[in-house]
Amino acid sequence: MTVREIRLYGDPVLRTPCEEIGEIDEGIRALVADLIETVELPGRAGVAAPQIGVGLRAFSYNVDGEIGAILNPRIVEVRGEPVPTGEGCLSVPDLWHDALRHPYARVEGIDVDGNPVTLEGEGLFAQMLQHETDHLDGMVYLQRLTREERGVAMRKVRESSWF
């Protein structure tokens, strides 16, 4: 298991939709172990595979003491009108903006043994589910901002030391 380096905004892997995971082999098990170890660091709610440079549909999560991972997740239900929700991203360091998120979300996928998994929740957990699934679809949260807010965010990205 290894804590993996986070890819930053501008890296093409973050804008590319991920491939479904087929066979669950030792490579996939190692990926999941790395995702979990990487998300366990303080201040991290989720880490998607593309954020560590892997274009496969998997993410780990760490919300309110609940730590785990899911493979091939798909959002199957959201509830409530999207509301501006304060959000940041490890791939866009030092920025915090209001992204539009549904207050409830449910995803379905599988675990490393191929068993069906359903994750659902409200608040921060719902936000994490939507944020990480967006990563797997090649989307960064900046794309969920209002036009005005996105302009401000992109200016901050261009002025940042890491971009």
N, C-alpha and C. Protein backbone atom coordinates (compact mmCIF):
# COMPACT_ATOMS: atom_id res chain seq x y z
N MET A 1 0.84 -1.18 0.00
CA MET A 1 0.00 0.00 0.00
C MET A 1 0.88 1.24 0.00
N THR A 2 0.42 2.24 -0.72
CA THR A 2 1.20 3.45 -0.88
C THR A 2 0.28 4.66 -0.92
N VAL A 3 0.69 5.73 -0.24
CA VAL A 3 0.01 7.01 -0.42
C VAL A 3 0.49 7.56 -1.75
N ARG A 4 -0.43 7.76 -2.67
CA ARG A 4 -0.07 8.18 -4.03
C ARG A 4 -0.17 9.69 -4.17
N GLU A 5 0.65 10.23 -5.06
CA GLU A 5 0.65 11.65 -5.37
C GLU A 5 -0.65 12.03 -6.10
N ILE A 6 -1.20 13.17 -5.74
CA ILE A 6 -2.45 13.65 -6.36
C ILE A 6 -2.12 14.43 -7.63
N ARG A 7 -2.78 14.08 -8.72
CA ARG A 7 -2.64 14.80 -9.98
C ARG A 7 -3.39 16.12 -9.88
N LEU A 8 -2.82 17.16 -10.49
CA LEU A 8 -3.39 18.49 -10.39
C LEU A 8 -4.14 18.90 -11.64
N TYR A 9 -5.08 19.82 -11.44
CA TYR A 9 -5.89 20.35 -12.53
C TYR A 9 -4.98 20.74 -13.70
N GLY A 10 -5.38 20.33 -14.89
CA GLY A 10 -4.58 20.53 -16.09
C GLY A 10 -4.03 19.21 -16.60
N ASP A 11 -3.91 18.22 -15.71
CA ASP A 11 -3.47 16.88 -16.12
C ASP A 11 -4.60 16.23 -16.93
N PRO A 12 -4.30 15.75 -18.13
CA PRO A 12 -5.35 15.18 -18.99
C PRO A 12 -6.12 14.02 -18.36
N VAL A 13 -5.52 13.27 -17.45
CA VAL A 13 -6.22 12.14 -16.85
C VAL A 13 -7.46 12.61 -16.08
N LEU A 14 -7.46 13.84 -15.61
CA LEU A 14 -8.59 14.36 -14.85
C LEU A 14 -9.77 14.75 -15.75
N ARG A 15 -9.53 14.90 -17.04
CA ARG A 15 -10.59 15.30 -17.97
C ARG A 15 -11.04 14.14 -18.86
N THR A 16 -10.55 12.93 -18.58
CA THR A 16 -10.85 11.77 -19.40
C THR A 16 -11.80 10.83 -18.65
N PRO A 17 -12.95 10.50 -19.25
CA PRO A 17 -13.84 9.53 -18.60
C PRO A 17 -13.12 8.20 -18.37
N CYS A 18 -13.37 7.61 -17.22
CA CYS A 18 -12.68 6.38 -16.83
C CYS A 18 -13.34 5.13 -17.41
N GLU A 19 -12.54 4.10 -17.54
CA GLU A 19 -13.01 2.80 -18.04
C GLU A 19 -13.56 1.98 -16.88
N GLU A 20 -14.56 1.15 -17.19
CA GLU A 20 -15.09 0.20 -16.21
C GLU A 20 -14.00 -0.80 -15.84
N ILE A 21 -14.06 -1.26 -14.62
CA ILE A 21 -13.15 -2.31 -14.17
C ILE A 21 -13.79 -3.64 -14.51
N GLY A 22 -13.03 -4.48 -15.19
CA GLY A 22 -13.51 -5.82 -15.55
C GLY A 22 -13.11 -6.81 -14.48
N GLU A 23 -12.09 -7.57 -14.77
CA GLU A 23 -11.60 -8.57 -13.83
C GLU A 23 -10.95 -7.90 -12.63
N ILE A 24 -11.29 -8.39 -11.46
CA ILE A 24 -10.68 -7.87 -10.23
C ILE A 24 -9.49 -8.77 -9.90
N ASP A 25 -8.31 -8.26 -10.25
CA ASP A 25 -7.08 -9.02 -10.03
C ASP A 25 -6.24 -8.35 -8.95
N GLU A 26 -5.01 -8.80 -8.78
CA GLU A 26 -4.15 -8.23 -7.75
C GLU A 26 -3.83 -6.76 -8.03
N GLY A 27 -3.77 -6.38 -9.31
CA GLY A 27 -3.54 -4.98 -9.65
C GLY A 27 -4.68 -4.08 -9.17
N ILE A 28 -5.91 -4.55 -9.34
CA ILE A 28 -7.08 -3.78 -8.87
C ILE A 28 -7.10 -3.73 -7.34
N ARG A 29 -6.78 -4.86 -6.71
CA ARG A 29 -6.73 -4.88 -5.24
C ARG A 29 -5.66 -3.91 -4.72
N ALA A 30 -4.53 -3.83 -5.40
CA ALA A 30 -3.46 -2.90 -5.00
C ALA A 30 -3.92 -1.45 -5.21
N LEU A 31 -4.64 -1.20 -6.32
CA LEU A 31 -5.18 0.14 -6.58
C LEU A 31 -6.11 0.55 -5.44
N VAL A 32 -7.01 -0.33 -5.03
CA VAL A 32 -7.95 -0.02 -3.96
C VAL A 32 -7.20 0.23 -2.65
N ALA A 33 -6.19 -0.58 -2.36
CA ALA A 33 -5.40 -0.37 -1.14
C ALA A 33 -4.73 1.00 -1.18
N ASP A 34 -4.19 1.39 -2.33
CA ASP A 34 -3.56 2.71 -2.46
C ASP A 34 -4.58 3.83 -2.32
N LEU A 35 -5.76 3.66 -2.92
CA LEU A 35 -6.81 4.67 -2.79
C LEU A 35 -7.20 4.87 -1.33
N ILE A 36 -7.34 3.77 -0.61
CA ILE A 36 -7.73 3.87 0.80
C ILE A 36 -6.63 4.53 1.61
N GLU A 37 -5.39 4.11 1.40
CA GLU A 37 -4.30 4.71 2.17
C GLU A 37 -4.17 6.20 1.83
N THR A 38 -4.40 6.56 0.59
CA THR A 38 -4.30 7.96 0.17
C THR A 38 -5.42 8.81 0.76
N VAL A 39 -6.61 8.27 0.91
CA VAL A 39 -7.74 9.04 1.46
C VAL A 39 -7.69 9.13 2.98
N GLU A 40 -6.91 8.28 3.62
CA GLU A 40 -6.86 8.28 5.08
C GLU A 40 -6.12 9.48 5.67
N LEU A 41 -5.38 10.22 4.83
CA LEU A 41 -4.69 11.40 5.33
C LEU A 41 -5.71 12.43 5.79
N PRO A 42 -5.38 13.21 6.81
CA PRO A 42 -6.33 14.21 7.35
C PRO A 42 -6.83 15.19 6.29
N GLY A 43 -8.12 15.52 6.41
CA GLY A 43 -8.71 16.52 5.53
C GLY A 43 -9.17 15.99 4.19
N ARG A 44 -9.18 14.68 4.01
CA ARG A 44 -9.58 14.10 2.72
C ARG A 44 -10.89 13.35 2.88
N ALA A 45 -11.88 13.71 2.06
CA ALA A 45 -13.18 13.04 2.08
C ALA A 45 -13.27 11.96 1.00
N GLY A 46 -12.52 12.11 -0.09
CA GLY A 46 -12.57 11.13 -1.16
C GLY A 46 -11.38 11.30 -2.09
N VAL A 47 -11.00 10.19 -2.72
CA VAL A 47 -9.96 10.20 -3.74
C VAL A 47 -10.41 9.27 -4.86
N ALA A 48 -10.48 9.81 -6.07
CA ALA A 48 -10.86 9.01 -7.24
C ALA A 48 -9.61 8.53 -7.95
N ALA A 49 -9.71 7.37 -8.60
CA ALA A 49 -8.56 6.77 -9.29
C ALA A 49 -7.86 7.75 -10.24
N PRO A 50 -8.58 8.55 -11.04
CA PRO A 50 -7.86 9.46 -11.92
C PRO A 50 -7.01 10.50 -11.16
N GLN A 51 -7.38 10.79 -9.93
CA GLN A 51 -6.59 11.74 -9.15
C GLN A 51 -5.21 11.18 -8.79
N ILE A 52 -5.06 9.86 -8.90
CA ILE A 52 -3.73 9.27 -8.69
C ILE A 52 -3.20 8.71 -10.01
N GLY A 53 -3.78 9.17 -11.12
CA GLY A 53 -3.25 8.85 -12.44
C GLY A 53 -3.75 7.58 -13.07
N VAL A 54 -4.84 7.00 -12.54
CA VAL A 54 -5.37 5.74 -13.06
C VAL A 54 -6.76 5.98 -13.64
N GLY A 55 -6.94 5.67 -14.90
CA GLY A 55 -8.20 5.92 -15.59
C GLY A 55 -9.21 4.81 -15.46
N LEU A 56 -9.46 4.36 -14.23
CA LEU A 56 -10.44 3.30 -13.97
C LEU A 56 -11.49 3.81 -13.00
N ARG A 57 -12.71 3.24 -13.09
CA ARG A 57 -13.84 3.68 -12.26
C ARG A 57 -13.74 3.11 -10.86
N ALA A 58 -13.07 3.85 -9.98
CA ALA A 58 -12.95 3.47 -8.57
C ALA A 58 -12.68 4.72 -7.75
N PHE A 59 -13.22 4.75 -6.54
CA PHE A 59 -12.84 5.82 -5.61
C PHE A 59 -12.90 5.31 -4.19
N SER A 60 -12.16 6.01 -3.33
CA SER A 60 -12.19 5.73 -1.89
C SER A 60 -12.85 6.92 -1.20
N TYR A 61 -13.29 6.68 0.04
CA TYR A 61 -13.95 7.74 0.78
C TYR A 61 -13.59 7.66 2.26
N ASN A 62 -13.70 8.81 2.92
CA ASN A 62 -13.38 8.92 4.34
C ASN A 62 -14.25 10.06 4.90
N VAL A 63 -15.46 9.72 5.29
CA VAL A 63 -16.42 10.71 5.77
C VAL A 63 -16.99 10.25 7.11
N ASP A 64 -16.86 11.11 8.09
CA ASP A 64 -17.40 10.84 9.43
C ASP A 64 -16.96 9.48 9.98
N GLY A 65 -15.69 9.15 9.77
CA GLY A 65 -15.13 7.90 10.28
C GLY A 65 -15.43 6.68 9.43
N GLU A 66 -16.21 6.84 8.37
CA GLU A 66 -16.50 5.72 7.47
C GLU A 66 -15.50 5.76 6.31
N ILE A 67 -14.68 4.71 6.22
CA ILE A 67 -13.65 4.62 5.19
C ILE A 67 -13.92 3.38 4.35
N GLY A 68 -13.80 3.55 3.04
CA GLY A 68 -14.02 2.41 2.15
C GLY A 68 -13.71 2.78 0.72
N ALA A 69 -14.08 1.87 -0.17
CA ALA A 69 -13.87 2.09 -1.61
C ALA A 69 -14.99 1.39 -2.37
N ILE A 70 -15.21 1.87 -3.58
CA ILE A 70 -16.23 1.27 -4.45
C ILE A 70 -15.68 1.24 -5.87
N LEU A 71 -15.99 0.18 -6.59
CA LEU A 71 -15.58 0.01 -7.98
C LEU A 71 -16.79 0.16 -8.89
N ASN A 72 -16.58 0.73 -10.04
CA ASN A 72 -17.62 0.93 -11.06
C ASN A 72 -18.87 1.63 -10.53
N PRO A 73 -18.69 2.67 -9.70
CA PRO A 73 -19.88 3.34 -9.16
C PRO A 73 -20.60 4.16 -10.23
N ARG A 74 -21.91 4.18 -10.10
CA ARG A 74 -22.78 5.01 -10.93
C ARG A 74 -23.81 5.64 -10.02
N ILE A 75 -24.07 6.92 -10.23
CA ILE A 75 -25.14 7.56 -9.48
C ILE A 75 -26.46 7.04 -10.02
N VAL A 76 -27.28 6.49 -9.12
CA VAL A 76 -28.58 5.95 -9.52
C VAL A 76 -29.74 6.80 -9.02
N GLU A 77 -29.45 7.69 -8.06
CA GLU A 77 -30.52 8.54 -7.56
C GLU A 77 -29.93 9.78 -6.89
N VAL A 78 -30.54 10.90 -7.15
CA VAL A 78 -30.29 12.13 -6.40
C VAL A 78 -31.65 12.69 -6.02
N ARG A 79 -31.68 13.40 -4.90
CA ARG A 79 -32.94 14.01 -4.45
C ARG A 79 -32.67 15.44 -4.03
N GLY A 80 -33.71 16.24 -4.22
CA GLY A 80 -33.64 17.64 -3.83
C GLY A 80 -33.05 18.49 -4.94
N GLU A 81 -33.39 19.75 -4.90
CA GLU A 81 -32.84 20.70 -5.87
C GLU A 81 -31.37 20.93 -5.56
N PRO A 82 -30.51 21.03 -6.60
CA PRO A 82 -29.11 21.34 -6.33
C PRO A 82 -28.98 22.68 -5.62
N VAL A 83 -28.12 22.71 -4.62
CA VAL A 83 -27.89 23.93 -3.86
C VAL A 83 -26.39 24.24 -3.85
N PRO A 84 -26.03 25.53 -3.81
CA PRO A 84 -24.61 25.88 -3.72
C PRO A 84 -24.02 25.30 -2.43
N THR A 85 -22.95 24.55 -2.58
CA THR A 85 -22.34 23.85 -1.46
C THR A 85 -20.84 24.11 -1.49
N GLY A 86 -20.29 24.62 -0.40
CA GLY A 86 -18.85 24.88 -0.32
C GLY A 86 -18.06 23.62 -0.61
N GLU A 87 -17.12 23.74 -1.53
CA GLU A 87 -16.41 22.55 -1.97
C GLU A 87 -14.98 22.89 -2.37
N GLY A 88 -14.11 21.95 -2.14
CA GLY A 88 -12.72 22.02 -2.59
C GLY A 88 -12.36 20.72 -3.25
N CYS A 89 -11.11 20.62 -3.72
CA CYS A 89 -10.67 19.41 -4.41
C CYS A 89 -9.16 19.30 -4.25
N LEU A 90 -8.70 18.09 -3.96
CA LEU A 90 -7.26 17.86 -3.83
C LEU A 90 -6.52 18.17 -5.13
N SER A 91 -7.20 18.04 -6.26
CA SER A 91 -6.58 18.30 -7.57
C SER A 91 -6.59 19.77 -7.94
N VAL A 92 -7.26 20.58 -7.13
CA VAL A 92 -7.32 22.03 -7.32
C VAL A 92 -7.00 22.67 -5.97
N PRO A 93 -5.75 22.56 -5.51
CA PRO A 93 -5.42 22.98 -4.15
C PRO A 93 -5.68 24.46 -3.87
N ASP A 94 -6.02 24.71 -2.63
CA ASP A 94 -6.15 26.07 -2.10
C ASP A 94 -7.35 26.84 -2.64
N LEU A 95 -8.26 26.19 -3.33
CA LEU A 95 -9.47 26.86 -3.80
C LEU A 95 -10.68 26.28 -3.09
N TRP A 96 -11.66 27.10 -2.83
CA TRP A 96 -12.90 26.69 -2.17
C TRP A 96 -14.01 27.51 -2.79
N HIS A 97 -14.98 26.84 -3.42
CA HIS A 97 -16.07 27.54 -4.09
C HIS A 97 -17.38 26.78 -3.89
N ASP A 98 -18.48 27.44 -4.15
CA ASP A 98 -19.79 26.82 -4.05
C ASP A 98 -20.14 26.10 -5.35
N ALA A 99 -20.16 24.77 -5.28
CA ALA A 99 -20.59 23.96 -6.42
C ALA A 99 -22.06 23.57 -6.21
N LEU A 100 -22.78 23.37 -7.29
CA LEU A 100 -24.19 22.96 -7.17
C LEU A 100 -24.25 21.45 -6.95
N ARG A 101 -24.80 21.04 -5.81
CA ARG A 101 -24.90 19.63 -5.44
C ARG A 101 -26.29 19.33 -4.88
N HIS A 102 -26.76 18.13 -5.18
CA HIS A 102 -28.02 17.65 -4.61
C HIS A 102 -27.79 17.29 -3.14
N PRO A 103 -28.79 17.50 -2.29
CA PRO A 103 -28.61 17.19 -0.87
C PRO A 103 -28.58 15.70 -0.54
N TYR A 104 -29.03 14.84 -1.46
CA TYR A 104 -29.02 13.39 -1.26
C TYR A 104 -28.50 12.73 -2.54
N ALA A 105 -27.71 11.68 -2.37
CA ALA A 105 -27.24 10.91 -3.53
C ALA A 105 -27.09 9.44 -3.14
N ARG A 106 -27.28 8.59 -4.16
CA ARG A 106 -27.08 7.15 -3.98
C ARG A 106 -26.31 6.62 -5.18
N VAL A 107 -25.26 5.85 -4.92
CA VAL A 107 -24.49 5.22 -5.99
C VAL A 107 -24.52 3.71 -5.78
N GLU A 108 -24.38 3.00 -6.89
CA GLU A 108 -24.28 1.55 -6.85
C GLU A 108 -23.03 1.14 -7.59
N GLY A 109 -22.37 0.12 -7.11
CA GLY A 109 -21.17 -0.42 -7.73
C GLY A 109 -20.87 -1.78 -7.13
N ILE A 110 -19.58 -2.11 -7.06
CA ILE A 110 -19.17 -3.40 -6.49
C ILE A 110 -17.97 -3.18 -5.57
N ASP A 111 -17.72 -4.18 -4.72
CA ASP A 111 -16.54 -4.14 -3.87
C ASP A 111 -15.42 -4.98 -4.52
N VAL A 112 -14.29 -5.12 -3.84
CA VAL A 112 -13.14 -5.83 -4.44
C VAL A 112 -13.38 -7.33 -4.58
N ASP A 113 -14.47 -7.82 -4.01
CA ASP A 113 -14.83 -9.23 -4.18
C ASP A 113 -15.91 -9.41 -5.24
N GLY A 114 -16.31 -8.31 -5.89
CA GLY A 114 -17.33 -8.37 -6.92
C GLY A 114 -18.75 -8.34 -6.40
N ASN A 115 -18.93 -8.13 -5.10
CA ASN A 115 -20.26 -8.07 -4.50
C ASN A 115 -20.89 -6.70 -4.72
N PRO A 116 -22.21 -6.66 -4.93
CA PRO A 116 -22.89 -5.37 -5.10
C PRO A 116 -22.75 -4.50 -3.86
N VAL A 117 -22.57 -3.20 -4.10
CA VAL A 117 -22.45 -2.21 -3.02
C VAL A 117 -23.34 -1.03 -3.35
N THR A 118 -24.06 -0.54 -2.35
CA THR A 118 -24.82 0.69 -2.47
C THR A 118 -24.32 1.65 -1.39
N LEU A 119 -23.98 2.85 -1.81
CA LEU A 119 -23.60 3.91 -0.88
C LEU A 119 -24.61 5.03 -1.05
N GLU A 120 -25.11 5.54 0.06
CA GLU A 120 -26.06 6.64 -0.03
C GLU A 120 -25.94 7.51 1.19
N GLY A 121 -26.35 8.76 1.02
CA GLY A 121 -26.32 9.65 2.15
C GLY A 121 -26.73 11.05 1.80
N GLU A 122 -26.72 11.87 2.84
CA GLU A 122 -27.05 13.29 2.70
C GLU A 122 -25.85 14.11 3.12
N GLY A 123 -25.94 15.41 2.89
CA GLY A 123 -24.90 16.32 3.34
C GLY A 123 -23.54 16.02 2.73
N LEU A 124 -22.52 15.98 3.59
CA LEU A 124 -21.16 15.78 3.11
C LEU A 124 -21.00 14.46 2.37
N PHE A 125 -21.67 13.40 2.84
CA PHE A 125 -21.54 12.11 2.16
C PHE A 125 -22.13 12.19 0.75
N ALA A 126 -23.28 12.82 0.60
CA ALA A 126 -23.89 13.00 -0.73
C ALA A 126 -22.99 13.84 -1.63
N GLN A 127 -22.42 14.88 -1.07
CA GLN A 127 -21.51 15.74 -1.83
C GLN A 127 -20.31 14.94 -2.31
N MET A 128 -19.72 14.13 -1.42
CA MET A 128 -18.57 13.31 -1.79
C MET A 128 -18.93 12.33 -2.91
N LEU A 129 -20.08 11.68 -2.81
CA LEU A 129 -20.49 10.72 -3.83
C LEU A 129 -20.58 11.40 -5.20
N GLN A 130 -21.16 12.59 -5.24
CA GLN A 130 -21.30 13.31 -6.51
C GLN A 130 -19.95 13.80 -7.01
N HIS A 131 -19.12 14.32 -6.11
CA HIS A 131 -17.81 14.86 -6.48
C HIS A 131 -16.92 13.76 -7.06
N GLU A 132 -16.84 12.62 -6.36
CA GLU A 132 -15.95 11.54 -6.82
C GLU A 132 -16.47 10.88 -8.10
N THR A 133 -17.78 10.74 -8.22
CA THR A 133 -18.34 10.18 -9.45
C THR A 133 -18.09 11.12 -10.62
N ASP A 134 -18.16 12.43 -10.37
CA ASP A 134 -17.81 13.39 -11.41
C ASP A 134 -16.38 13.15 -11.91
N HIS A 135 -15.44 12.93 -10.98
CA HIS A 135 -14.06 12.66 -11.39
C HIS A 135 -14.00 11.46 -12.35
N LEU A 136 -14.77 10.43 -12.07
CA LEU A 136 -14.74 9.23 -12.90
C LEU A 136 -15.34 9.49 -14.28
N ASP A 137 -16.16 10.52 -14.38
CA ASP A 137 -16.75 10.91 -15.66
C ASP A 137 -15.93 11.98 -16.38
N GLY A 138 -14.74 12.28 -15.85
CA GLY A 138 -13.84 13.26 -16.48
C GLY A 138 -14.18 14.69 -16.15
N MET A 139 -14.84 14.91 -15.02
CA MET A 139 -15.27 16.26 -14.64
C MET A 139 -14.63 16.68 -13.32
N VAL A 140 -14.19 17.92 -13.25
CA VAL A 140 -13.67 18.51 -12.03
C VAL A 140 -14.73 19.48 -11.51
N TYR A 141 -14.81 19.64 -10.20
CA TYR A 141 -15.90 20.42 -9.60
C TYR A 141 -16.01 21.84 -10.14
N LEU A 142 -14.95 22.38 -10.69
CA LEU A 142 -15.01 23.73 -11.25
C LEU A 142 -16.09 23.83 -12.33
N GLN A 143 -16.38 22.72 -13.00
CA GLN A 143 -17.40 22.70 -14.04
C GLN A 143 -18.81 22.79 -13.45
N ARG A 144 -18.96 22.63 -12.15
CA ARG A 144 -20.26 22.71 -11.47
C ARG A 144 -20.53 24.11 -10.91
N LEU A 145 -19.59 25.02 -11.10
CA LEU A 145 -19.76 26.37 -10.57
C LEU A 145 -20.62 27.21 -11.51
N THR A 146 -21.22 28.26 -10.95
CA THR A 146 -21.92 29.21 -11.82
C THR A 146 -20.88 29.85 -12.74
N ARG A 147 -21.34 30.43 -13.80
CA ARG A 147 -20.43 31.04 -14.78
C ARG A 147 -19.52 32.09 -14.12
N GLU A 148 -20.12 32.93 -13.29
CA GLU A 148 -19.35 33.98 -12.63
C GLU A 148 -18.31 33.39 -11.68
N GLU A 149 -18.76 32.43 -10.87
CA GLU A 149 -17.87 31.80 -9.89
C GLU A 149 -16.75 31.04 -10.60
N ARG A 150 -17.06 30.41 -11.72
CA ARG A 150 -16.03 29.68 -12.47
C ARG A 150 -14.97 30.64 -13.00
N GLY A 151 -15.40 31.81 -13.46
CA GLY A 151 -14.44 32.80 -13.94
C GLY A 151 -13.46 33.21 -12.85
N VAL A 152 -13.99 33.42 -11.63
CA VAL A 152 -13.14 33.76 -10.49
C VAL A 152 -12.19 32.61 -10.17
N ALA A 153 -12.73 31.40 -10.15
CA ALA A 153 -11.91 30.22 -9.83
C ALA A 153 -10.80 30.01 -10.86
N MET A 154 -11.13 30.15 -12.13
CA MET A 154 -10.12 29.92 -13.17
C MET A 154 -9.02 30.98 -13.11
N ARG A 155 -9.37 32.18 -12.75
CA ARG A 155 -8.36 33.24 -12.57
C ARG A 155 -7.41 32.84 -11.43
N LYS A 156 -7.97 32.33 -10.32
CA LYS A 156 -7.15 31.88 -9.19
C LYS A 156 -6.26 30.70 -9.59
N VAL A 157 -6.79 29.79 -10.40
CA VAL A 157 -5.99 28.65 -10.87
C VAL A 157 -4.80 29.16 -11.68
N ARG A 158 -5.07 30.04 -12.63
CA ARG A 158 -3.99 30.56 -13.49
C ARG A 158 -2.92 31.31 -12.70
N GLU A 159 -3.33 31.94 -11.60
CA GLU A 159 -2.39 32.71 -10.78
C GLU A 159 -1.68 31.86 -9.73
N SER A 160 -2.11 30.59 -9.57
CA SER A 160 -1.55 29.75 -8.52
C SER A 160 -0.13 29.32 -8.84
N SER A 161 0.62 28.97 -7.82
CA SER A 161 2.01 28.52 -8.00
C SER A 161 2.09 27.09 -8.53
N TRP A 162 1.04 26.30 -8.38
CA TRP A 162 1.08 24.89 -8.80
C TRP A 162 0.62 24.68 -10.24
N PHE A 163 -0.05 25.67 -10.85
CA PHE A 163 -0.60 25.46 -12.19
C PHE A 163 0.45 25.66 -13.26
